[in-house]
Amino acid sequence: MIKLIRYFAQGRLFWALLVILGVTLEGCGLYFQYGLKLEPCVNCVYERALYLTFIAAGIIALINPKNRLWRLLGELTFFVGSLFGVMIAFSHLADYTNNGFGASCKLRADFPSFFKLDEWLPWMFKPTGACVELDWSLLGFNMPQWILFSFLCGAVAALVFIITEPFARREERLRFY
């Protein structure tokens, strides 16, 4: 099993699929916003920003997945982005379900001053809606639940890759170039 996991981590297929997944999830967010007219709340915008880490991790590791340094950098980017995504999605779900007076969240995104996505790409990262209950569901789960699930899957996959990293062949462990 570890050999199979290492095979995927060292190949380009997984990392290319991760980039495609990130682009697809970003596309879904834009479809919900512009196609279905579901205005994104600040949590949705943060989650979209964290899906960019899927794309970034895939691109980083695609540089040279056989090189341990690039691969580990991709794995860590994927894990940290997924972990932050789990925290934001859990908060989003709590805001969405546990408030007796209706859902509530901030009205403005609070990106760091060096990474103002809401100003640079307002069509994609500017929150225009409030955290209100949606009519949308898929297989009985609402959007915050699906987003939480996607980030949990990402965190588990990245963690498995990181945990199996020490089991790499000796030649591979010594190669950082």
N, C-alpha and C. Protein backbone atom coordinates (compact mmCIF):
# COMPACT_ATOMS: atom_id res chain seq x y z
N MET A 1 0.82 -1.20 0.00
CA MET A 1 0.00 0.00 0.00
C MET A 1 0.86 1.25 0.00
N ILE A 2 1.91 1.24 0.82
CA ILE A 2 2.80 2.40 0.88
C ILE A 2 3.47 2.62 -0.47
N LYS A 3 3.84 1.52 -1.16
CA LYS A 3 4.45 1.65 -2.48
C LYS A 3 3.50 2.32 -3.46
N LEU A 4 2.23 1.97 -3.37
CA LEU A 4 1.24 2.57 -4.26
C LEU A 4 1.08 4.07 -3.98
N ILE A 5 1.02 4.43 -2.71
CA ILE A 5 0.91 5.84 -2.33
C ILE A 5 2.14 6.60 -2.80
N ARG A 6 3.33 6.02 -2.60
CA ARG A 6 4.57 6.68 -3.04
C ARG A 6 4.58 6.81 -4.57
N TYR A 7 4.06 5.79 -5.25
CA TYR A 7 4.00 5.83 -6.72
C TYR A 7 3.17 7.03 -7.18
N PHE A 8 2.00 7.24 -6.56
CA PHE A 8 1.16 8.38 -6.92
C PHE A 8 1.82 9.71 -6.55
N ALA A 9 2.45 9.76 -5.39
CA ALA A 9 3.07 11.01 -4.95
C ALA A 9 4.23 11.40 -5.86
N GLN A 10 4.92 10.42 -6.42
CA GLN A 10 6.09 10.70 -7.25
C GLN A 10 5.75 10.86 -8.72
N GLY A 11 4.50 10.62 -9.08
CA GLY A 11 4.10 10.75 -10.47
C GLY A 11 3.41 12.07 -10.73
N ARG A 12 3.29 12.40 -11.98
CA ARG A 12 2.66 13.66 -12.36
C ARG A 12 1.13 13.57 -12.39
N LEU A 13 0.59 12.37 -12.50
CA LEU A 13 -0.86 12.22 -12.64
C LEU A 13 -1.62 12.80 -11.45
N PHE A 14 -1.25 12.42 -10.23
CA PHE A 14 -1.97 12.92 -9.05
C PHE A 14 -1.92 14.44 -8.99
N TRP A 15 -0.75 15.00 -9.22
CA TRP A 15 -0.58 16.46 -9.09
C TRP A 15 -1.32 17.19 -10.19
N ALA A 16 -1.34 16.62 -11.39
CA ALA A 16 -2.12 17.23 -12.47
C ALA A 16 -3.62 17.15 -12.15
N LEU A 17 -4.05 16.03 -11.61
CA LEU A 17 -5.46 15.89 -11.22
C LEU A 17 -5.82 16.86 -10.09
N LEU A 18 -4.87 17.13 -9.20
CA LEU A 18 -5.12 18.09 -8.13
C LEU A 18 -5.31 19.50 -8.70
N VAL A 19 -4.50 19.87 -9.69
CA VAL A 19 -4.68 21.17 -10.35
C VAL A 19 -6.05 21.23 -11.02
N ILE A 20 -6.41 20.16 -11.72
CA ILE A 20 -7.71 20.11 -12.40
C ILE A 20 -8.85 20.19 -11.38
N LEU A 21 -8.71 19.50 -10.25
CA LEU A 21 -9.72 19.56 -9.19
C LEU A 21 -9.86 20.99 -8.67
N GLY A 22 -8.74 21.65 -8.40
CA GLY A 22 -8.79 23.03 -7.92
C GLY A 22 -9.47 23.96 -8.90
N VAL A 23 -9.14 23.83 -10.18
CA VAL A 23 -9.77 24.66 -11.21
C VAL A 23 -11.25 24.35 -11.31
N THR A 24 -11.61 23.07 -11.22
CA THR A 24 -13.02 22.67 -11.27
C THR A 24 -13.80 23.23 -10.08
N LEU A 25 -13.23 23.16 -8.89
CA LEU A 25 -13.92 23.69 -7.71
C LEU A 25 -14.07 25.21 -7.79
N GLU A 26 -13.05 25.89 -8.31
CA GLU A 26 -13.17 27.33 -8.52
C GLU A 26 -14.26 27.62 -9.56
N GLY A 27 -14.29 26.81 -10.60
CA GLY A 27 -15.32 26.97 -11.62
C GLY A 27 -16.71 26.73 -11.07
N CYS A 28 -16.85 25.76 -10.18
CA CYS A 28 -18.14 25.51 -9.54
C CYS A 28 -18.58 26.73 -8.73
N GLY A 29 -17.63 27.32 -8.01
CA GLY A 29 -17.95 28.52 -7.23
C GLY A 29 -18.46 29.64 -8.12
N LEU A 30 -17.81 29.82 -9.27
CA LEU A 30 -18.24 30.87 -10.20
C LEU A 30 -19.59 30.52 -10.83
N TYR A 31 -19.81 29.23 -11.09
CA TYR A 31 -21.12 28.82 -11.62
C TYR A 31 -22.22 29.10 -10.60
N PHE A 32 -21.97 28.77 -9.34
CA PHE A 32 -22.97 29.05 -8.31
C PHE A 32 -23.24 30.55 -8.21
N GLN A 33 -22.18 31.35 -8.34
CA GLN A 33 -22.34 32.80 -8.21
C GLN A 33 -23.04 33.41 -9.43
N TYR A 34 -22.56 33.10 -10.62
CA TYR A 34 -23.08 33.77 -11.81
C TYR A 34 -24.17 32.98 -12.53
N GLY A 35 -24.10 31.66 -12.48
CA GLY A 35 -25.10 30.84 -13.16
C GLY A 35 -26.37 30.66 -12.34
N LEU A 36 -26.20 30.34 -11.07
CA LEU A 36 -27.35 30.10 -10.20
C LEU A 36 -27.73 31.33 -9.37
N LYS A 37 -26.95 32.39 -9.50
CA LYS A 37 -27.21 33.66 -8.78
C LYS A 37 -27.20 33.49 -7.27
N LEU A 38 -26.30 32.65 -6.76
CA LEU A 38 -26.11 32.49 -5.32
C LEU A 38 -24.93 33.37 -4.93
N GLU A 39 -25.21 34.47 -4.30
CA GLU A 39 -24.18 35.44 -3.95
C GLU A 39 -23.27 34.86 -2.86
N PRO A 40 -21.94 34.96 -3.04
CA PRO A 40 -21.02 34.36 -2.06
C PRO A 40 -20.89 35.21 -0.79
N CYS A 41 -20.91 34.53 0.34
CA CYS A 41 -20.67 35.20 1.62
C CYS A 41 -19.15 35.22 1.85
N VAL A 42 -18.75 35.83 2.93
CA VAL A 42 -17.31 35.95 3.20
C VAL A 42 -16.67 34.58 3.41
N ASN A 43 -17.37 33.65 4.03
CA ASN A 43 -16.83 32.30 4.20
C ASN A 43 -16.64 31.60 2.86
N CYS A 44 -17.59 31.78 1.95
CA CYS A 44 -17.47 31.19 0.61
C CYS A 44 -16.24 31.74 -0.10
N VAL A 45 -16.01 33.03 0.06
CA VAL A 45 -14.86 33.68 -0.57
C VAL A 45 -13.55 33.14 0.00
N TYR A 46 -13.49 32.98 1.32
CA TYR A 46 -12.29 32.40 1.94
C TYR A 46 -12.06 30.97 1.45
N GLU A 47 -13.14 30.22 1.35
CA GLU A 47 -13.01 28.83 0.88
C GLU A 47 -12.53 28.80 -0.56
N ARG A 48 -13.03 29.71 -1.39
CA ARG A 48 -12.53 29.80 -2.76
C ARG A 48 -11.04 30.11 -2.79
N ALA A 49 -10.64 31.04 -1.94
CA ALA A 49 -9.22 31.39 -1.88
C ALA A 49 -8.38 30.18 -1.47
N LEU A 50 -8.90 29.38 -0.56
CA LEU A 50 -8.15 28.21 -0.12
C LEU A 50 -8.15 27.10 -1.17
N TYR A 51 -9.13 27.07 -2.05
CA TYR A 51 -9.07 26.11 -3.17
C TYR A 51 -7.90 26.45 -4.10
N LEU A 52 -7.46 27.69 -4.07
CA LEU A 52 -6.28 28.06 -4.86
C LEU A 52 -5.05 27.30 -4.39
N THR A 53 -5.03 26.90 -3.11
CA THR A 53 -3.88 26.13 -2.62
C THR A 53 -3.82 24.75 -3.27
N PHE A 54 -4.96 24.21 -3.68
CA PHE A 54 -4.96 22.94 -4.42
C PHE A 54 -4.20 23.14 -5.74
N ILE A 55 -4.52 24.23 -6.42
CA ILE A 55 -3.88 24.54 -7.70
C ILE A 55 -2.39 24.79 -7.48
N ALA A 56 -2.07 25.62 -6.48
CA ALA A 56 -0.67 25.95 -6.21
C ALA A 56 0.13 24.70 -5.83
N ALA A 57 -0.43 23.86 -4.98
CA ALA A 57 0.27 22.63 -4.56
C ALA A 57 0.54 21.73 -5.77
N GLY A 58 -0.46 21.58 -6.62
CA GLY A 58 -0.29 20.76 -7.80
C GLY A 58 0.78 21.30 -8.73
N ILE A 59 0.79 22.60 -8.94
CA ILE A 59 1.79 23.21 -9.82
C ILE A 59 3.19 23.08 -9.22
N ILE A 60 3.30 23.32 -7.92
CA ILE A 60 4.61 23.20 -7.25
C ILE A 60 5.16 21.79 -7.41
N ALA A 61 4.35 20.79 -7.11
CA ALA A 61 4.82 19.41 -7.19
C ALA A 61 5.02 18.96 -8.64
N LEU A 62 4.27 19.53 -9.57
CA LEU A 62 4.45 19.17 -10.98
C LEU A 62 5.79 19.62 -11.54
N ILE A 63 6.42 20.58 -10.88
CA ILE A 63 7.74 21.02 -11.35
C ILE A 63 8.68 19.83 -11.44
N ASN A 64 8.69 19.01 -10.40
CA ASN A 64 9.49 17.79 -10.43
C ASN A 64 9.03 16.88 -9.29
N PRO A 65 8.01 16.05 -9.51
CA PRO A 65 7.48 15.22 -8.42
C PRO A 65 8.45 14.14 -7.93
N LYS A 66 9.46 13.83 -8.68
CA LYS A 66 10.44 12.85 -8.22
C LYS A 66 11.45 13.49 -7.27
N ASN A 67 11.53 14.81 -7.30
CA ASN A 67 12.42 15.53 -6.40
C ASN A 67 11.71 15.71 -5.07
N ARG A 68 12.33 15.22 -4.02
CA ARG A 68 11.67 15.21 -2.71
C ARG A 68 11.33 16.61 -2.23
N LEU A 69 12.18 17.59 -2.50
CA LEU A 69 11.95 18.95 -2.03
C LEU A 69 10.70 19.55 -2.66
N TRP A 70 10.58 19.45 -3.99
CA TRP A 70 9.39 20.00 -4.67
C TRP A 70 8.13 19.26 -4.26
N ARG A 71 8.25 17.93 -4.16
CA ARG A 71 7.09 17.12 -3.78
C ARG A 71 6.64 17.45 -2.36
N LEU A 72 7.58 17.55 -1.43
CA LEU A 72 7.24 17.85 -0.04
C LEU A 72 6.64 19.25 0.08
N LEU A 73 7.18 20.18 -0.69
CA LEU A 73 6.61 21.54 -0.69
C LEU A 73 5.17 21.51 -1.20
N GLY A 74 4.91 20.72 -2.24
CA GLY A 74 3.54 20.56 -2.74
C GLY A 74 2.63 19.89 -1.72
N GLU A 75 3.14 18.85 -1.08
CA GLU A 75 2.35 18.14 -0.07
C GLU A 75 2.01 19.06 1.11
N LEU A 76 2.99 19.82 1.56
CA LEU A 76 2.75 20.73 2.69
C LEU A 76 1.78 21.85 2.31
N THR A 77 1.91 22.38 1.10
CA THR A 77 0.97 23.41 0.64
C THR A 77 -0.45 22.85 0.60
N PHE A 78 -0.58 21.64 0.07
CA PHE A 78 -1.87 20.98 -0.02
C PHE A 78 -2.44 20.74 1.38
N PHE A 79 -1.61 20.29 2.31
CA PHE A 79 -2.07 20.00 3.66
C PHE A 79 -2.48 21.27 4.41
N VAL A 80 -1.63 22.28 4.39
CA VAL A 80 -1.93 23.52 5.11
C VAL A 80 -3.18 24.19 4.54
N GLY A 81 -3.28 24.24 3.21
CA GLY A 81 -4.48 24.82 2.59
C GLY A 81 -5.74 24.05 2.96
N SER A 82 -5.64 22.73 2.95
CA SER A 82 -6.79 21.89 3.31
C SER A 82 -7.15 22.05 4.78
N LEU A 83 -6.15 22.14 5.64
CA LEU A 83 -6.40 22.30 7.06
C LEU A 83 -7.10 23.64 7.36
N PHE A 84 -6.60 24.71 6.76
CA PHE A 84 -7.27 26.00 6.92
C PHE A 84 -8.68 25.94 6.32
N GLY A 85 -8.82 25.22 5.21
CA GLY A 85 -10.13 25.05 4.60
C GLY A 85 -11.10 24.33 5.51
N VAL A 86 -10.62 23.31 6.22
CA VAL A 86 -11.46 22.59 7.18
C VAL A 86 -11.93 23.55 8.27
N MET A 87 -11.02 24.37 8.76
CA MET A 87 -11.39 25.30 9.84
C MET A 87 -12.42 26.33 9.36
N ILE A 88 -12.21 26.90 8.17
CA ILE A 88 -13.15 27.88 7.65
C ILE A 88 -14.49 27.21 7.34
N ALA A 89 -14.44 26.03 6.72
CA ALA A 89 -15.68 25.33 6.36
C ALA A 89 -16.45 24.91 7.61
N PHE A 90 -15.74 24.49 8.65
CA PHE A 90 -16.42 24.12 9.90
C PHE A 90 -17.10 25.36 10.50
N SER A 91 -16.41 26.48 10.49
CA SER A 91 -17.00 27.73 10.97
C SER A 91 -18.21 28.13 10.12
N HIS A 92 -18.07 27.95 8.80
CA HIS A 92 -19.16 28.25 7.87
C HIS A 92 -20.38 27.39 8.19
N LEU A 93 -20.14 26.12 8.40
CA LEU A 93 -21.23 25.20 8.72
C LEU A 93 -21.87 25.56 10.05
N ALA A 94 -21.06 25.93 11.03
CA ALA A 94 -21.60 26.32 12.33
C ALA A 94 -22.43 27.59 12.20
N ASP A 95 -21.93 28.58 11.45
CA ASP A 95 -22.70 29.80 11.22
C ASP A 95 -24.02 29.49 10.52
N TYR A 96 -23.97 28.53 9.63
CA TYR A 96 -25.10 28.19 8.78
C TYR A 96 -26.19 27.43 9.53
N THR A 97 -25.79 26.60 10.51
CA THR A 97 -26.77 25.71 11.12
C THR A 97 -27.09 26.00 12.58
N ASN A 98 -26.18 26.60 13.34
CA ASN A 98 -26.36 26.68 14.78
C ASN A 98 -26.90 28.00 15.29
N ASN A 99 -27.26 28.90 14.46
CA ASN A 99 -27.72 30.20 14.93
C ASN A 99 -29.24 30.23 14.88
N GLY A 100 -29.87 30.37 16.01
CA GLY A 100 -31.33 30.37 16.09
C GLY A 100 -31.97 31.59 15.44
N PHE A 101 -31.19 32.65 15.24
CA PHE A 101 -31.72 33.88 14.64
C PHE A 101 -31.40 33.99 13.16
N GLY A 102 -30.94 32.94 12.56
CA GLY A 102 -30.54 32.98 11.16
C GLY A 102 -29.02 33.04 11.09
N ALA A 103 -28.49 32.64 9.98
CA ALA A 103 -27.05 32.59 9.82
C ALA A 103 -26.48 34.00 9.75
N SER A 104 -25.26 34.14 10.25
CA SER A 104 -24.61 35.44 10.16
C SER A 104 -23.11 35.24 10.04
N CYS A 105 -22.49 36.14 9.30
CA CYS A 105 -21.04 36.16 9.19
C CYS A 105 -20.64 37.57 8.81
N LYS A 106 -19.34 37.81 8.74
CA LYS A 106 -18.87 39.15 8.41
C LYS A 106 -19.34 39.52 6.99
N LEU A 107 -19.37 40.80 6.72
CA LEU A 107 -19.80 41.26 5.41
C LEU A 107 -18.64 41.61 4.49
N ARG A 108 -17.44 41.77 5.07
CA ARG A 108 -16.26 42.10 4.28
C ARG A 108 -15.20 41.04 4.48
N ALA A 109 -14.49 40.74 3.40
CA ALA A 109 -13.36 39.81 3.50
C ALA A 109 -12.19 40.54 4.16
N ASP A 110 -11.44 39.82 4.95
CA ASP A 110 -10.32 40.41 5.67
C ASP A 110 -9.03 39.72 5.23
N PHE A 111 -8.67 39.91 3.96
CA PHE A 111 -7.42 39.34 3.45
C PHE A 111 -6.24 40.18 3.94
N PRO A 112 -5.07 39.58 4.06
CA PRO A 112 -3.89 40.35 4.48
C PRO A 112 -3.59 41.47 3.47
N SER A 113 -2.94 42.52 3.92
CA SER A 113 -2.67 43.68 3.06
C SER A 113 -1.80 43.32 1.86
N PHE A 114 -0.99 42.28 1.96
CA PHE A 114 -0.14 41.89 0.84
C PHE A 114 -0.83 40.91 -0.12
N PHE A 115 -2.07 40.54 0.19
CA PHE A 115 -2.76 39.55 -0.64
C PHE A 115 -4.24 39.89 -0.72
N LYS A 116 -4.57 41.05 -1.23
CA LYS A 116 -5.93 41.57 -1.27
C LYS A 116 -6.71 41.00 -2.47
N LEU A 117 -7.06 39.74 -2.39
CA LEU A 117 -7.78 39.10 -3.49
C LEU A 117 -9.11 39.79 -3.79
N ASP A 118 -9.78 40.29 -2.75
CA ASP A 118 -11.07 40.94 -2.96
C ASP A 118 -10.94 42.24 -3.73
N GLU A 119 -9.77 42.86 -3.73
CA GLU A 119 -9.54 44.08 -4.51
C GLU A 119 -8.95 43.76 -5.87
N TRP A 120 -8.10 42.75 -5.95
CA TRP A 120 -7.46 42.39 -7.20
C TRP A 120 -8.41 41.68 -8.16
N LEU A 121 -9.22 40.78 -7.63
CA LEU A 121 -10.16 39.99 -8.44
C LEU A 121 -11.55 40.05 -7.80
N PRO A 122 -12.19 41.22 -7.80
CA PRO A 122 -13.47 41.35 -7.10
C PRO A 122 -14.57 40.48 -7.71
N TRP A 123 -14.51 40.18 -8.99
CA TRP A 123 -15.51 39.35 -9.64
C TRP A 123 -15.50 37.92 -9.09
N MET A 124 -14.40 37.56 -8.42
CA MET A 124 -14.27 36.20 -7.91
C MET A 124 -14.19 36.14 -6.39
N PHE A 125 -13.60 37.15 -5.76
CA PHE A 125 -13.31 37.07 -4.33
C PHE A 125 -13.95 38.17 -3.49
N LYS A 126 -14.88 38.91 -4.04
CA LYS A 126 -15.54 39.93 -3.24
C LYS A 126 -16.87 39.36 -2.73
N PRO A 127 -17.03 39.31 -1.40
CA PRO A 127 -18.30 38.78 -0.87
C PRO A 127 -19.43 39.76 -1.17
N THR A 128 -20.48 39.24 -1.76
CA THR A 128 -21.63 40.08 -2.11
C THR A 128 -22.90 39.60 -1.43
N GLY A 129 -22.81 38.54 -0.67
CA GLY A 129 -24.00 38.00 -0.01
C GLY A 129 -23.76 37.79 1.47
N ALA A 130 -24.81 37.41 2.14
CA ALA A 130 -24.74 37.10 3.57
C ALA A 130 -24.84 35.59 3.74
N CYS A 131 -24.47 35.12 4.90
CA CYS A 131 -24.57 33.68 5.21
C CYS A 131 -26.03 33.35 5.50
N VAL A 132 -26.78 33.12 4.47
CA VAL A 132 -28.18 32.77 4.64
C VAL A 132 -28.40 31.34 4.17
N GLU A 133 -29.49 30.76 4.61
CA GLU A 133 -29.79 29.40 4.21
C GLU A 133 -30.07 29.35 2.72
N LEU A 134 -29.49 28.35 2.06
CA LEU A 134 -29.65 28.20 0.62
C LEU A 134 -30.68 27.13 0.30
N ASP A 135 -31.27 27.24 -0.87
CA ASP A 135 -32.19 26.21 -1.34
C ASP A 135 -31.42 25.06 -1.98
N TRP A 136 -30.13 25.23 -2.17
CA TRP A 136 -29.32 24.27 -2.90
C TRP A 136 -28.89 23.11 -2.01
N SER A 137 -29.00 21.89 -2.55
CA SER A 137 -28.46 20.71 -1.88
C SER A 137 -28.15 19.67 -2.94
N LEU A 138 -27.26 18.77 -2.60
CA LEU A 138 -26.90 17.66 -3.49
C LEU A 138 -26.81 16.41 -2.64
N LEU A 139 -27.59 15.41 -2.96
CA LEU A 139 -27.63 14.15 -2.21
C LEU A 139 -27.94 14.37 -0.73
N GLY A 140 -28.75 15.40 -0.45
CA GLY A 140 -29.17 15.68 0.91
C GLY A 140 -28.20 16.53 1.72
N PHE A 141 -27.09 16.92 1.13
CA PHE A 141 -26.11 17.74 1.84
C PHE A 141 -26.09 19.15 1.26
N ASN A 142 -25.95 20.16 2.15
CA ASN A 142 -25.91 21.54 1.68
C ASN A 142 -24.48 21.92 1.27
N MET A 143 -24.34 23.12 0.77
CA MET A 143 -23.04 23.55 0.26
C MET A 143 -21.94 23.58 1.33
N PRO A 144 -22.17 24.16 2.51
CA PRO A 144 -21.10 24.12 3.52
C PRO A 144 -20.67 22.70 3.90
N GLN A 145 -21.60 21.77 3.90
CA GLN A 145 -21.23 20.38 4.20
C GLN A 145 -20.34 19.79 3.11
N TRP A 146 -20.66 20.06 1.84
CA TRP A 146 -19.85 19.56 0.74
C TRP A 146 -18.46 20.20 0.75
N ILE A 147 -18.40 21.48 1.06
CA ILE A 147 -17.11 22.16 1.12
C ILE A 147 -16.26 21.58 2.24
N LEU A 148 -16.87 21.35 3.40
CA LEU A 148 -16.14 20.74 4.52
C LEU A 148 -15.63 19.36 4.11
N PHE A 149 -16.47 18.58 3.45
CA PHE A 149 -16.08 17.25 3.00
C PHE A 149 -14.89 17.32 2.04
N SER A 150 -14.92 18.27 1.11
CA SER A 150 -13.82 18.37 0.14
C SER A 150 -12.50 18.72 0.82
N PHE A 151 -12.55 19.63 1.78
CA PHE A 151 -11.32 19.99 2.48
C PHE A 151 -10.85 18.87 3.41
N LEU A 152 -11.77 18.14 4.02
CA LEU A 152 -11.38 16.99 4.85
C LEU A 152 -10.69 15.92 4.00
N CYS A 153 -11.24 15.64 2.84
CA CYS A 153 -10.60 14.67 1.93
C CYS A 153 -9.21 15.14 1.53
N GLY A 154 -9.08 16.44 1.23
CA GLY A 154 -7.78 16.99 0.88
C GLY A 154 -6.78 16.87 2.01
N ALA A 155 -7.21 17.18 3.23
CA ALA A 155 -6.31 17.10 4.39
C ALA A 155 -5.86 15.66 4.63
N VAL A 156 -6.79 14.72 4.51
CA VAL A 156 -6.44 13.30 4.72
C VAL A 156 -5.46 12.84 3.65
N ALA A 157 -5.74 13.16 2.39
CA ALA A 157 -4.85 12.75 1.30
C ALA A 157 -3.45 13.34 1.47
N ALA A 158 -3.38 14.62 1.78
CA ALA A 158 -2.08 15.26 1.98
C ALA A 158 -1.35 14.67 3.17
N LEU A 159 -2.07 14.40 4.24
CA LEU A 159 -1.45 13.82 5.43
C LEU A 159 -0.91 12.42 5.14
N VAL A 160 -1.64 11.64 4.38
CA VAL A 160 -1.17 10.30 4.01
C VAL A 160 0.12 10.42 3.19
N PHE A 161 0.17 11.36 2.27
CA PHE A 161 1.39 11.55 1.47
C PHE A 161 2.55 11.96 2.36
N ILE A 162 2.30 12.87 3.29
CA ILE A 162 3.38 13.35 4.18
C ILE A 162 3.85 12.23 5.10
N ILE A 163 2.92 11.46 5.64
CA ILE A 163 3.28 10.37 6.56
C ILE A 163 4.10 9.31 5.85
N THR A 164 3.80 9.03 4.59
CA THR A 164 4.53 7.98 3.87
C THR A 164 5.85 8.49 3.29
N GLU A 165 6.12 9.77 3.41
CA GLU A 165 7.37 10.34 2.87
C GLU A 165 8.62 9.66 3.44
N PRO A 166 8.69 9.38 4.73
CA PRO A 166 9.90 8.71 5.25
C PRO A 166 10.11 7.29 4.71
N PHE A 167 9.08 6.70 4.12
CA PHE A 167 9.20 5.35 3.59
C PHE A 167 9.72 5.34 2.16
N ALA A 168 10.09 6.50 1.66
CA ALA A 168 10.65 6.56 0.31
C ALA A 168 11.96 5.77 0.27
N ARG A 169 12.29 5.31 -0.91
CA ARG A 169 13.54 4.56 -1.06
C ARG A 169 14.73 5.42 -0.61
N ARG A 170 15.76 4.78 -0.18
CA ARG A 170 16.95 5.48 0.32
C ARG A 170 17.51 6.42 -0.73
N GLU A 171 17.61 5.99 -1.98
CA GLU A 171 18.18 6.84 -3.04
C GLU A 171 17.35 8.11 -3.19
N GLU A 172 16.04 7.95 -3.06
CA GLU A 172 15.15 9.09 -3.23
C GLU A 172 15.29 10.06 -2.06
N ARG A 173 15.43 9.55 -0.85
CA ARG A 173 15.57 10.41 0.32
C ARG A 173 16.81 11.28 0.22
N LEU A 174 17.86 10.75 -0.38
CA LEU A 174 19.12 11.49 -0.47
C LEU A 174 19.14 12.48 -1.64
N ARG A 175 18.17 12.40 -2.53
CA ARG A 175 18.17 13.24 -3.72
C ARG A 175 17.30 14.47 -3.50
N PHE A 176 17.91 15.63 -3.41
CA PHE A 176 17.18 16.89 -3.26
C PHE A 176 17.34 17.77 -4.49
N TYR A 177 17.94 17.30 -5.52
CA TYR A 177 18.17 18.11 -6.71
C TYR A 177 17.31 17.67 -7.86
